[in-house]
Protein backbone atom coordinates (compact mmCIF):
# COMPACT_ATOMS: atom_id res chain seq x y z
CA MET A 1 -19.74 15.16 8.70
CA THR A 2 -17.16 18.62 9.63
CA THR A 3 -19.12 21.90 10.36
CA ALA A 4 -18.72 24.48 7.27
CA GLY A 5 -16.25 27.15 9.38
CA PRO A 6 -14.12 27.26 12.14
CA ASP A 7 -14.65 25.26 15.57
CA PRO A 8 -14.92 27.75 18.26
CA HIS A 9 -13.24 24.77 20.42
CA ARG A 10 -10.80 23.82 18.03
CA TRP A 11 -7.83 25.08 20.87
CA GLN A 12 -9.51 23.36 23.97
CA ALA A 13 -10.00 20.32 21.56
CA LEU A 14 -6.40 20.09 20.06
CA ALA A 15 -5.21 20.40 24.46
CA LEU A 16 -7.42 17.74 25.29
CA VAL A 17 -6.79 15.17 22.08
CA CYS A 18 -2.95 16.22 22.96
CA VAL A 19 -3.19 15.01 26.49
CA ALA A 20 -4.74 11.41 25.13
CA PHE A 21 -1.83 11.32 22.66
CA PHE A 22 0.84 12.23 25.43
CA MET A 23 -0.59 9.33 27.67
CA THR A 24 0.36 7.02 24.88
CA VAL A 25 3.82 7.97 24.03
CA LEU A 26 4.49 8.27 27.65
CA ASP A 27 3.49 4.43 27.93
CA VAL A 28 6.05 3.11 25.56
CA SER A 29 9.02 4.51 27.69
CA ILE A 30 7.14 4.72 31.50
CA VAL A 31 7.32 0.85 31.72
CA ASN A 32 11.18 0.19 30.80
CA VAL A 33 12.20 1.98 34.57
CA ALA A 34 10.18 -0.09 36.22
CA LEU A 35 10.35 -3.52 34.94
CA PRO A 36 12.74 -4.71 37.78
CA SER A 37 10.38 -3.89 40.32
CA ILE A 38 7.63 -5.70 38.14
CA LYS A 39 10.17 -8.50 38.18
CA ASN A 40 10.82 -9.19 41.86
CA SER A 41 7.48 -8.45 42.87
CA LEU A 42 5.58 -10.68 40.12
CA HIS A 43 8.42 -13.37 40.42
CA VAL A 44 9.37 -13.68 36.77
CA THR A 45 12.38 -14.11 34.89
CA ASP A 46 14.22 -11.31 32.33
CA VAL A 47 13.00 -13.17 29.64
CA THR A 48 9.26 -13.07 30.56
CA VAL A 49 8.97 -9.58 32.07
CA GLN A 50 10.16 -8.12 28.29
CA TRP A 51 7.10 -9.68 27.17
CA VAL A 52 5.36 -6.35 29.30
CA LEU A 53 7.34 -4.32 26.54
CA ILE A 54 6.60 -6.29 23.65
CA ALA A 55 2.98 -7.07 23.76
CA TYR A 56 2.33 -3.31 23.69
CA THR A 57 4.91 -2.48 20.83
CA ILE A 58 3.12 -5.80 18.68
CA THR A 59 -0.46 -4.26 18.88
CA PHE A 60 0.55 -1.24 19.09
CA GLY A 61 2.47 -0.68 15.75
CA GLY A 62 -0.14 -3.87 13.94
CA PHE A 63 -2.92 -2.00 14.49
CA LEU A 64 -2.37 1.64 13.91
CA LEU A 65 -3.35 1.40 10.07
CA LEU A 66 -6.52 -0.19 11.08
CA GLY A 67 -7.33 2.29 13.80
CA GLY A 68 -6.80 5.10 11.41
CA ARG A 69 -8.58 4.19 8.57
CA ALA A 70 -11.43 2.86 10.81
CA ALA A 71 -11.17 6.69 12.47
CA ASP A 72 -12.20 8.11 8.40
CA LEU A 73 -14.79 5.52 8.04
CA LEU A 74 -16.29 5.18 11.32
CA GLY A 75 -16.14 8.98 12.53
CA ARG A 76 -12.73 10.57 14.29
CA ARG A 77 -14.76 11.45 17.32
CA ARG A 78 -16.19 8.07 18.12
CA ILE A 79 -13.01 6.21 16.94
CA PHE A 80 -10.88 8.65 19.73
CA ILE A 81 -13.59 7.90 22.34
CA VAL A 82 -13.50 4.04 21.73
CA GLY A 83 -9.39 4.05 22.05
CA VAL A 84 -9.09 5.91 25.14
CA ALA A 85 -11.76 4.05 27.12
CA LEU A 86 -10.33 0.87 25.58
CA PHE A 87 -6.44 1.93 27.03
CA SER A 88 -7.91 3.64 30.20
CA ALA A 89 -9.64 0.44 31.41
CA ALA A 90 -6.88 -1.78 30.18
CA SER A 91 -4.41 1.00 32.14
CA LEU A 92 -7.10 -0.26 35.03
CA VAL A 93 -6.63 -3.81 35.25
CA CYS A 94 -2.83 -3.44 34.03
CA GLY A 95 -2.13 -1.85 37.86
CA LEU A 96 -4.25 -4.44 39.44
CA ALA A 97 -2.50 -7.57 37.64
CA SER A 98 -1.43 -10.04 40.19
CA SER A 99 0.34 -12.40 37.49
CA ILE A 100 2.19 -11.53 34.61
CA GLY A 101 -0.21 -13.26 31.89
CA VAL A 102 -2.69 -10.48 32.99
CA LEU A 103 -0.62 -7.74 33.02
CA ILE A 104 0.86 -8.77 29.11
CA ALA A 105 -2.66 -9.92 28.25
CA ALA A 106 -3.97 -6.09 29.82
CA ARG A 107 -0.57 -4.59 28.11
CA ALA A 108 -1.56 -5.97 24.52
CA VAL A 109 -5.57 -4.25 25.40
CA GLN A 110 -3.67 -1.23 26.40
CA GLY A 111 -1.74 -1.12 22.64
CA LEU A 112 -4.41 -1.85 21.31
CA GLY A 113 -6.37 1.34 22.59
CA ALA A 114 -3.07 2.99 21.74
CA ALA A 115 -3.14 2.17 17.91
CA ILE A 116 -6.75 3.50 18.04
CA VAL A 117 -6.14 7.07 19.75
CA SER A 118 -2.81 7.77 17.90
CA PRO A 119 -4.07 8.01 14.31
CA ALA A 120 -7.23 9.53 15.48
CA THR A 121 -5.81 11.83 17.31
CA LEU A 122 -3.70 13.32 14.58
CA ALA A 123 -6.45 13.59 11.97
CA ILE A 124 -9.25 15.16 14.28
CA ILE A 125 -6.58 18.02 14.27
CA THR A 126 -6.19 17.91 10.75
CA THR A 127 -9.88 18.06 10.26
CA THR A 128 -10.51 20.47 13.04
CA PHE A 129 -7.74 23.42 11.05
CA GLU A 130 -7.20 24.22 8.10
CA GLU A 131 -3.88 23.73 6.20
CA GLY A 132 -1.09 26.44 6.34
CA SER A 133 -0.02 28.06 9.68
CA GLU A 134 -2.67 27.44 12.11
CA ARG A 135 -2.78 23.88 11.08
CA ASN A 136 1.36 24.01 11.44
CA LYS A 137 0.99 25.78 15.39
CA ALA A 138 -1.27 22.73 15.86
CA LEU A 139 0.72 20.38 14.83
CA GLY A 140 3.81 22.22 16.61
CA ILE A 141 1.85 21.39 19.68
CA TRP A 142 1.24 17.64 19.24
CA GLY A 143 4.46 17.37 18.12
CA ALA A 144 6.12 18.39 21.27
CA MET A 145 3.91 16.24 22.82
CA GLY A 146 5.31 13.25 21.10
CA GLY A 147 9.02 14.42 21.76
CA SER A 148 8.16 14.91 24.97
CA GLY A 149 6.95 12.43 25.82
CA ALA A 150 9.57 9.55 25.26
CA ALA A 151 11.68 11.28 27.58
CA ALA A 152 8.94 12.67 30.29
CA GLY A 153 8.31 8.57 30.42
CA VAL A 154 11.47 7.33 32.17
CA LEU A 155 11.80 10.65 34.54
CA PHE A 156 7.66 9.69 35.78
CA GLY A 157 8.18 6.15 35.51
CA GLY A 158 11.16 6.25 38.27
CA ILE A 159 8.88 8.69 40.40
CA LEU A 160 6.32 6.87 40.45
CA THR A 161 8.12 3.17 41.00
CA LYS A 162 10.03 4.77 43.61
CA TYR A 163 7.83 6.98 46.02
CA LEU A 164 4.56 4.72 44.61
CA GLY A 165 5.11 1.40 43.12
CA TRP A 166 4.76 0.04 39.58
CA GLU A 167 1.18 -0.02 39.58
CA TRP A 168 0.79 3.77 39.70
CA ILE A 169 2.35 3.90 36.17
CA PHE A 170 -0.74 2.26 35.19
CA PHE A 171 -3.34 3.82 37.50
CA VAL A 172 -2.23 7.45 36.22
CA ASN A 173 -3.71 7.08 33.19
CA VAL A 174 -7.11 6.01 34.88
CA PRO A 175 -8.28 9.79 35.82
CA VAL A 176 -6.48 11.13 33.00
CA GLY A 177 -8.65 9.08 30.94
CA ALA A 178 -11.68 9.09 32.26
CA LEU A 179 -11.42 13.83 31.87
CA VAL A 180 -10.64 13.22 28.72
CA LEU A 181 -13.74 11.23 27.85
CA ALA A 182 -15.83 13.42 30.14
CA LEU A 183 -14.60 16.57 27.80
CA THR A 184 -14.50 14.83 24.28
CA ARG A 185 -18.55 15.49 23.29
CA PRO A 186 -18.53 19.00 24.25
CA LEU A 187 -15.29 20.15 22.58
CA VAL A 188 -14.60 17.64 19.58
CA ARG A 189 -16.66 17.70 16.84
CA GLU A 190 -17.27 14.69 14.95
CA SER A 191 -16.01 14.32 11.12
CA ARG A 192 -15.69 11.22 8.87
CA ALA A 193 -14.69 10.65 5.18
CA GLN A 194 -17.99 11.15 2.84
CA GLY A 195 -19.00 9.12 -0.12
CA VAL A 196 -16.94 5.85 1.15
CA ARG A 197 -19.28 2.91 1.82
CA GLY A 198 -17.61 -0.53 2.37
CA PHE A 199 -14.53 -2.05 4.81
CA ASP A 200 -11.51 -3.99 3.00
CA ILE A 201 -11.68 -7.15 5.46
CA GLY A 202 -8.93 -8.69 3.30
CA GLY A 203 -6.45 -5.87 3.72
CA ALA A 204 -7.20 -5.00 6.85
CA VAL A 205 -6.47 -8.47 7.98
CA THR A 206 -3.12 -8.84 6.27
CA VAL A 207 -1.98 -5.50 6.67
CA THR A 208 -2.67 -6.21 10.62
CA GLY A 209 -1.17 -9.63 10.83
CA GLY A 210 1.96 -8.88 8.77
CA LEU A 211 2.74 -5.39 10.80
CA ALA A 212 2.16 -7.25 14.51
CA LEU A 213 4.27 -10.35 12.73
CA LEU A 214 7.15 -7.93 12.05
CA VAL A 215 7.44 -6.05 14.78
CA TYR A 216 6.61 -9.28 17.02
CA ALA A 217 9.97 -11.20 14.39
CA ILE A 218 12.11 -8.22 15.19
CA SER A 219 11.28 -8.31 19.24
CA LYS A 220 12.31 -11.35 19.66
CA ALA A 221 15.15 -10.99 17.27
CA PRO A 222 17.91 -10.26 19.51
CA ASP A 223 16.99 -13.17 21.96
CA ASP A 224 16.11 -15.69 19.61
CA GLY A 225 19.39 -14.95 17.01
CA TRP A 226 18.51 -12.88 13.60
CA GLY A 227 19.67 -16.02 11.58
CA THR A 228 17.87 -18.46 13.50
CA GLY A 229 14.94 -20.67 11.47
CA ARG A 230 12.53 -19.21 13.68
CA THR A 231 13.31 -15.53 13.12
CA ILE A 232 13.69 -16.19 9.43
CA GLY A 233 10.78 -17.55 9.28
CA GLU A 234 8.42 -14.75 10.81
CA LEU A 235 10.13 -12.40 9.30
CA VAL A 236 8.98 -14.64 5.87
CA GLY A 237 5.80 -14.36 7.21
CA ALA A 238 5.68 -10.88 7.95
CA ALA A 239 6.63 -10.31 3.86
CA VAL A 240 4.44 -12.62 2.50
CA LEU A 241 1.37 -11.19 4.19
CA LEU A 242 2.15 -7.32 3.64
CA LEU A 243 2.84 -8.80 -0.25
CA ALA A 244 -0.61 -10.18 0.34
CA PHE A 245 -2.33 -6.77 1.29
CA VAL A 246 -0.64 -5.20 -1.35
CA GLY A 247 -2.05 -7.24 -3.91
CA ILE A 248 -5.22 -7.21 -2.14
CA GLU A 249 -5.37 -2.93 -2.05
CA LEU A 250 -4.16 -3.01 -6.47
CA ARG A 251 -7.21 -4.77 -7.04
CA ASN A 252 -9.85 -3.64 -4.21
CA ARG A 253 -11.85 -0.63 -5.32
CA GLN A 254 -12.25 0.64 -1.63
CA PRO A 255 -8.82 -0.23 -0.32
CA LEU A 256 -7.62 0.57 3.33
CA VAL A 257 -4.86 2.17 2.14
CA PRO A 258 -5.42 3.85 -1.43
CA PHE A 259 -1.77 4.20 -3.03
CA GLY A 260 -2.26 7.30 -4.62
CA ILE A 261 -1.85 9.08 -1.35
CA PHE A 262 1.77 8.84 -1.87
CA ARG A 263 1.38 11.04 -4.92
CA THR A 264 3.06 13.72 -2.67
CA LYS A 265 6.57 12.48 -2.81
CA THR A 266 7.35 14.84 0.87
CA LEU A 267 3.87 12.57 2.15
CA ALA A 268 6.73 9.64 1.74
CA GLY A 269 9.87 11.40 2.47
CA ALA A 270 8.05 11.84 5.80
CA ASN A 271 7.30 8.09 6.20
CA VAL A 272 11.13 7.66 5.54
CA ALA A 273 11.88 9.86 7.74
CA GLY A 274 9.41 8.91 10.30
CA PHE A 275 10.65 5.44 10.27
CA LEU A 276 14.64 6.66 10.86
CA LEU A 277 13.42 9.17 13.71
CA GLY A 278 11.70 6.61 15.43
CA ALA A 279 14.17 3.98 15.34
CA VAL A 280 16.93 6.51 16.42
CA ILE A 281 14.52 7.66 19.20
CA PHE A 282 13.02 4.70 21.27
CA ALA A 283 16.58 2.70 21.03
CA ASN A 284 18.22 5.67 22.30
CA PHE A 285 16.39 5.93 25.89
CA PHE A 286 16.29 2.28 26.02
CA VAL A 287 20.03 2.27 25.58
CA LEU A 288 20.62 5.19 27.59
CA THR A 289 18.45 4.48 30.63
CA LEU A 290 20.98 1.11 30.63
CA TYR A 291 23.70 2.76 30.61
CA VAL A 292 22.53 5.50 33.16
CA GLN A 293 21.36 2.27 35.10
CA GLN A 294 23.91 -0.36 35.22
CA VAL A 295 27.61 1.66 34.34
CA LEU A 296 26.98 4.74 36.43
CA GLY A 297 24.77 2.90 38.91
CA TYR A 298 21.88 5.58 38.76
CA SER A 299 18.52 4.28 40.60
CA PRO A 300 15.43 4.34 38.74
CA LEU A 301 14.47 8.08 40.30
CA LYS A 302 17.33 9.48 39.88
CA THR A 303 17.76 8.18 35.93
CA GLY A 304 14.31 10.11 35.40
CA VAL A 305 15.28 12.78 36.48
CA THR A 306 18.05 13.45 34.29
CA PHE A 307 16.01 13.08 31.37
CA LEU A 308 14.08 15.99 32.69
CA ALA A 309 16.70 18.33 30.52
CA THR A 310 15.60 16.00 27.10
CA ALA A 311 11.72 16.59 28.31
CA GLY A 312 12.09 20.05 29.22
CA THR A 313 13.87 21.37 26.08
CA VAL A 314 11.62 19.93 23.65
CA VAL A 315 8.47 21.97 25.47
CA LEU A 316 10.70 25.46 25.45
CA VAL A 317 11.86 24.79 21.97
CA ALA A 318 8.59 23.60 20.19
CA GLY A 319 7.17 26.61 19.53
CA ILE A 320 10.76 28.15 17.88
CA ALA A 321 10.18 24.99 15.48
CA GLN A 322 7.17 25.45 14.73
CA ALA A 323 7.34 29.34 13.85
CA LEU A 324 10.87 28.16 11.91
CA VAL A 325 8.43 25.87 9.85
CA THR A 326 5.90 28.84 8.81
CA ARG A 327 9.29 31.05 8.11
CA ILE A 328 11.36 28.60 6.10
CA GLY A 329 9.79 25.43 5.13
CA VAL A 330 9.52 21.95 6.30
CA ARG A 331 12.25 20.69 4.99
CA PRO A 332 15.09 23.24 6.27
CA VAL A 333 13.86 22.07 9.98
CA LEU A 334 13.91 18.88 9.26
CA THR A 335 17.24 18.36 8.43
CA VAL A 336 18.53 20.56 11.10
CA GLY A 337 16.76 18.67 13.63
CA LEU A 338 17.24 15.11 12.64
CA ALA A 339 21.17 16.17 12.16
CA LEU A 340 20.75 17.32 15.58
CA VAL A 341 19.76 14.09 16.95
CA ALA A 342 22.34 11.98 14.86
CA GLY A 343 25.00 14.91 16.97
CA ALA A 344 23.29 14.11 20.04
CA MET A 345 24.08 9.75 19.02
CA PHE A 346 27.72 10.44 18.27
CA TRP A 347 28.13 12.26 21.43
CA TYR A 348 26.40 9.39 23.73
CA ALA A 349 28.92 7.23 21.60
CA GLN A 350 32.23 8.60 23.65
CA VAL A 351 30.65 8.50 27.40
CA PRO A 352 33.38 6.76 29.66
CA VAL A 353 32.70 3.98 32.15
CA GLN A 354 33.13 6.87 35.20
CA GLY A 355 30.94 8.94 33.49
CA SER A 356 29.45 12.48 35.06
CA TYR A 357 26.22 13.68 34.50
CA ALA A 358 27.16 17.15 33.58
CA SER A 359 30.08 17.17 30.71
CA ASP A 360 29.46 13.17 29.60
CA LEU A 361 25.42 13.56 29.56
CA LEU A 362 23.81 17.17 29.52
CA PRO A 363 25.15 18.16 26.38
CA GLY A 364 23.60 15.36 24.50
CA TYR A 365 20.54 15.42 26.37
CA LEU A 366 20.12 19.44 25.44
CA MET A 367 21.25 18.64 21.83
CA MET A 368 18.47 15.43 21.65
CA GLY A 369 15.59 17.71 22.74
CA PHE A 370 16.68 20.55 20.36
CA GLY A 371 16.49 17.56 17.98
CA LEU A 372 13.58 16.25 19.01
CA ALA A 373 11.27 19.71 18.68
CA PHE A 374 12.97 20.25 15.11
CA SER A 375 12.34 16.66 13.73
CA PHE A 376 8.90 15.65 15.43
CA ILE A 377 6.97 18.99 14.24
CA PRO A 378 8.28 19.15 10.83
CA VAL A 379 7.93 15.44 10.05
CA SER A 380 3.93 15.80 11.41
CA ILE A 381 3.36 18.42 9.00
CA ALA A 382 4.81 16.58 6.12
CA ALA A 383 3.32 13.26 6.42
CA LEU A 384 0.02 15.62 5.85
CA ALA A 385 0.75 17.66 2.85
CA GLY A 386 -1.77 17.51 0.47
CA VAL A 387 -3.66 14.83 2.16
CA GLU A 388 -7.25 15.46 1.55
CA HIS A 389 -9.76 15.33 4.79
CA HIS A 390 -10.95 11.94 3.90
CA GLU A 391 -7.38 10.36 3.94
CA SER A 392 -6.01 12.24 7.18
CA GLY A 393 -6.88 9.09 9.27
CA LEU A 394 -5.22 6.93 7.25
CA ALA A 395 -2.31 9.55 6.97
CA SER A 396 -1.71 9.79 10.16
CA GLY A 397 -1.88 5.91 10.88
CA LEU A 398 0.74 5.65 7.89
CA LEU A 399 2.86 8.22 10.01
CA ASN A 400 2.56 6.52 13.35
CA THR A 401 3.10 3.36 11.68
CA SER A 402 6.71 4.25 10.40
CA GLN A 403 7.37 5.33 13.58
CA GLN A 404 6.22 2.45 15.60
CA ILE A 405 8.07 0.15 13.39
CA GLY A 406 11.09 1.67 12.85
CA GLY A 407 11.25 1.80 16.81
CA ALA A 408 10.58 -1.85 16.97
CA LEU A 409 13.72 -1.86 14.53
CA GLY A 410 16.21 0.46 16.47
CA VAL A 411 15.56 -1.15 20.01
CA ALA A 412 15.95 -4.76 18.24
CA ILE A 413 19.74 -3.76 16.08
CA ALA A 414 21.11 -1.90 19.20
CA SER A 415 20.64 -4.14 21.73
CA THR A 416 21.82 -6.57 19.25
CA VAL A 417 24.97 -4.62 18.65
CA ALA A 418 25.00 -3.53 22.46
CA PHE A 419 25.08 -6.99 23.96
CA THR A 420 26.72 -9.14 21.22
CA HIS A 421 30.00 -6.91 21.99
CA GLU A 422 29.77 -7.00 25.57
CA ARG A 423 29.66 -10.67 25.67
CA THR A 424 32.83 -10.94 23.02
CA LEU A 425 34.78 -8.03 25.17
CA LEU A 426 33.61 -10.23 28.59
CA ALA A 427 35.28 -13.91 27.36
CA SER A 428 38.59 -11.50 26.18
CA GLY A 429 38.84 -10.46 29.74
CA HIS A 430 37.55 -6.98 30.29
CA SER A 431 35.03 -6.20 33.03
CA LEU A 432 31.69 -5.63 32.94
CA PRO A 433 31.77 -2.17 33.62
CA GLN A 434 33.83 -1.83 30.29
CA ALA A 435 32.23 -4.29 28.39
CA LEU A 436 29.05 -2.85 28.74
CA THR A 437 30.14 0.90 27.70
CA SER A 438 31.86 0.01 24.89
CA GLY A 439 28.94 -2.15 23.85
CA PHE A 440 26.69 0.79 24.42
CA ALA A 441 29.04 3.18 22.28
CA LEU A 442 29.00 1.05 19.56
CA SER A 443 24.74 0.95 19.74
CA PHE A 444 25.50 4.49 19.82
CA TRP A 445 27.55 4.55 16.55
CA VAL A 446 24.92 2.74 14.81
CA LEU A 447 22.18 5.32 15.93
CA GLY A 448 24.05 7.95 14.81
CA GLY A 449 24.64 6.37 11.23
CA LEU A 450 20.88 5.65 11.30
CA GLY A 451 20.19 9.86 12.10
CA VAL A 452 22.19 10.79 8.85
CA ALA A 453 20.46 8.55 6.78
CA GLY A 454 17.47 10.33 7.88
CA VAL A 455 18.94 13.58 6.96
CA LEU A 456 19.71 11.77 3.67
CA ALA A 457 15.81 11.24 3.53
CA ALA A 458 14.64 14.53 4.26
CA LEU A 459 16.86 16.23 1.75
CA LEU A 460 15.90 14.20 -0.89
CA LEU A 461 12.35 13.45 -0.50
CA VAL A 462 10.36 15.86 1.26
CA ARG A 463 9.57 19.34 -0.50
CA SER A 464 8.68 22.56 1.46
CA SER A 465 6.80 23.53 -2.00
CA GLU A 466 4.52 20.74 -1.38
CA VAL A 467 3.79 22.00 2.38
CA PRO A 468 1.55 24.96 2.32
CA MET A 469 2.31 27.75 4.03
CA GLU A 470 0.00 31.04 4.17
CA ALA A 471 1.72 34.28 3.99
CA GLU A 472 -0.06 35.45 7.08
CA GLY A 473 1.60 32.77 9.39
CA ALA A 474 4.97 34.79 8.87
CA ALA A 475 3.68 37.26 10.94
CA LEU A 476 1.79 35.24 13.24
CA ALA A 477 5.29 33.29 13.86
CA GLY A 478 7.02 36.42 14.78
C-alpha cells in the first residue's frame, strides 16, 4: 500500500529506477558492436552469434506484460528488486561464458530480468508522482534515459569492446546493479494494487507464449524467408495463442489485461505510436551501424563515438521537450518528434558510398536526437493518461511491449529490405559497397514511411485533453 502524501525521497527514487531502466535499454544495442568480437572469440558462425541478440529480444518482449502485471499485484518495489537481481546475475554469467550456448542462455535470462525491471520502473514513477506537471517532469527524465540509451549503447559497446574486451559489456552491469539493489529499499517505497486477488494463469501463459513466438518468428524471418512454411507456421501459432488470450481475458473476472484500460483513446494511440517509434529506432541503429562499419570502414570504437551526437542531444533537449509538453500538450510535441524521426530516416536514405561524418551523418544524428527526446517523453506521458494506480504496471508493460514488438518487426523489415536489394544489385554486377549502400538507403526509405505513419497515429488518436496538465506546470517549466 502506498503511503499518503508526497514521498520525500521521490527524486532520489526516480534517479535510482532510471539508472536500472537505462541498463536494460543499453543492453538492447550495446551488443551490436561487440558481435564480431564474440563471434571470433567463441568461434561461431554469423547465424549462431545473432542468437545473442535474439535470445534477449524474445524474453524481453515476451514477458513484459506479465512483468508489469506482477508488479501491480505483488508489489512494485519487490518485483523491481527481483528484476534487477536477475538481470545483474545473468550479466555476470554472460561475461564469464566460455561457450556460445551458455552465453545465449544467460542472455535469455537477462532479457527476462529486463522484462521485469522496465515496467516496474515506470509503475514506480507513476505511483510516486501525482499526475500533472511533476509527473511529466519525472517522465521527461525517464524518457531521456530511454531515448539516449540505445545510442549510448553503441558508444559504450565500442569503447568497452576495444579497451577491455567484449565480456565487459556485460560485467559493467554487475556493480551498477549491486548499487541499485543496495539503495532500493531505503529510497523506494512499496506499493501494490489493492483489492485485486488471484492470478490469471491462462492469460499469462497464452500472452507470454504468443508474444515470445511472435518475436522469434519476426526475428528469424529475414534468414528463413517470410514466405516459408516455417515462418508462416510460427506466425499462425503466435496469432492462435494471442487470440486465445483475448478469449480468456474477455471471460475472466480478474484478467491479466482488463481491456477497459483502452477506454482512453490517448492511451491506445500512445501504444500505436510507441510501436511505430520502436520499429524505427531499433532498425535505425541496426542499419546505421552496419553502414558506418561495412561501407565507411569505421572501427567499433569510432562507430560508437559517432553516436555520441544523438545520445548527447537527447539528454540536452529532454528538458525542453518536457516543458513543451506541460505548456502545449502531448499531441503537438509527439507529432513534431515523430516527424523529426521520420526526417532523419529520409536524410540517411541519401547517404553516399563515400560518405563523410560531418556532412552526411551528423545532421541526421542531431535530427534523430531531437526526435527521440520529442517522441519518447510525450509518448510515455500519453501511455499513462487516465490510468489508475492499480493498473500502472499494466500500462507500463503495454507501452514497453509495443516498443519491443515494434523494434523486432522494424529490424526484421529493414534487414530483409536491405539485404534482398543488396543481393539483387550484386547479381547485376554492382560492387559490394554500392550494393550495401543502396540496400541500406532503401531500408531507410521504408523506415521513414513508418515514421510518417507514427505522425498520423499521433494526429488522429492522441488527445492532449485526456492528459491532465496542471496550471502551475507552465510556470514551473518556464
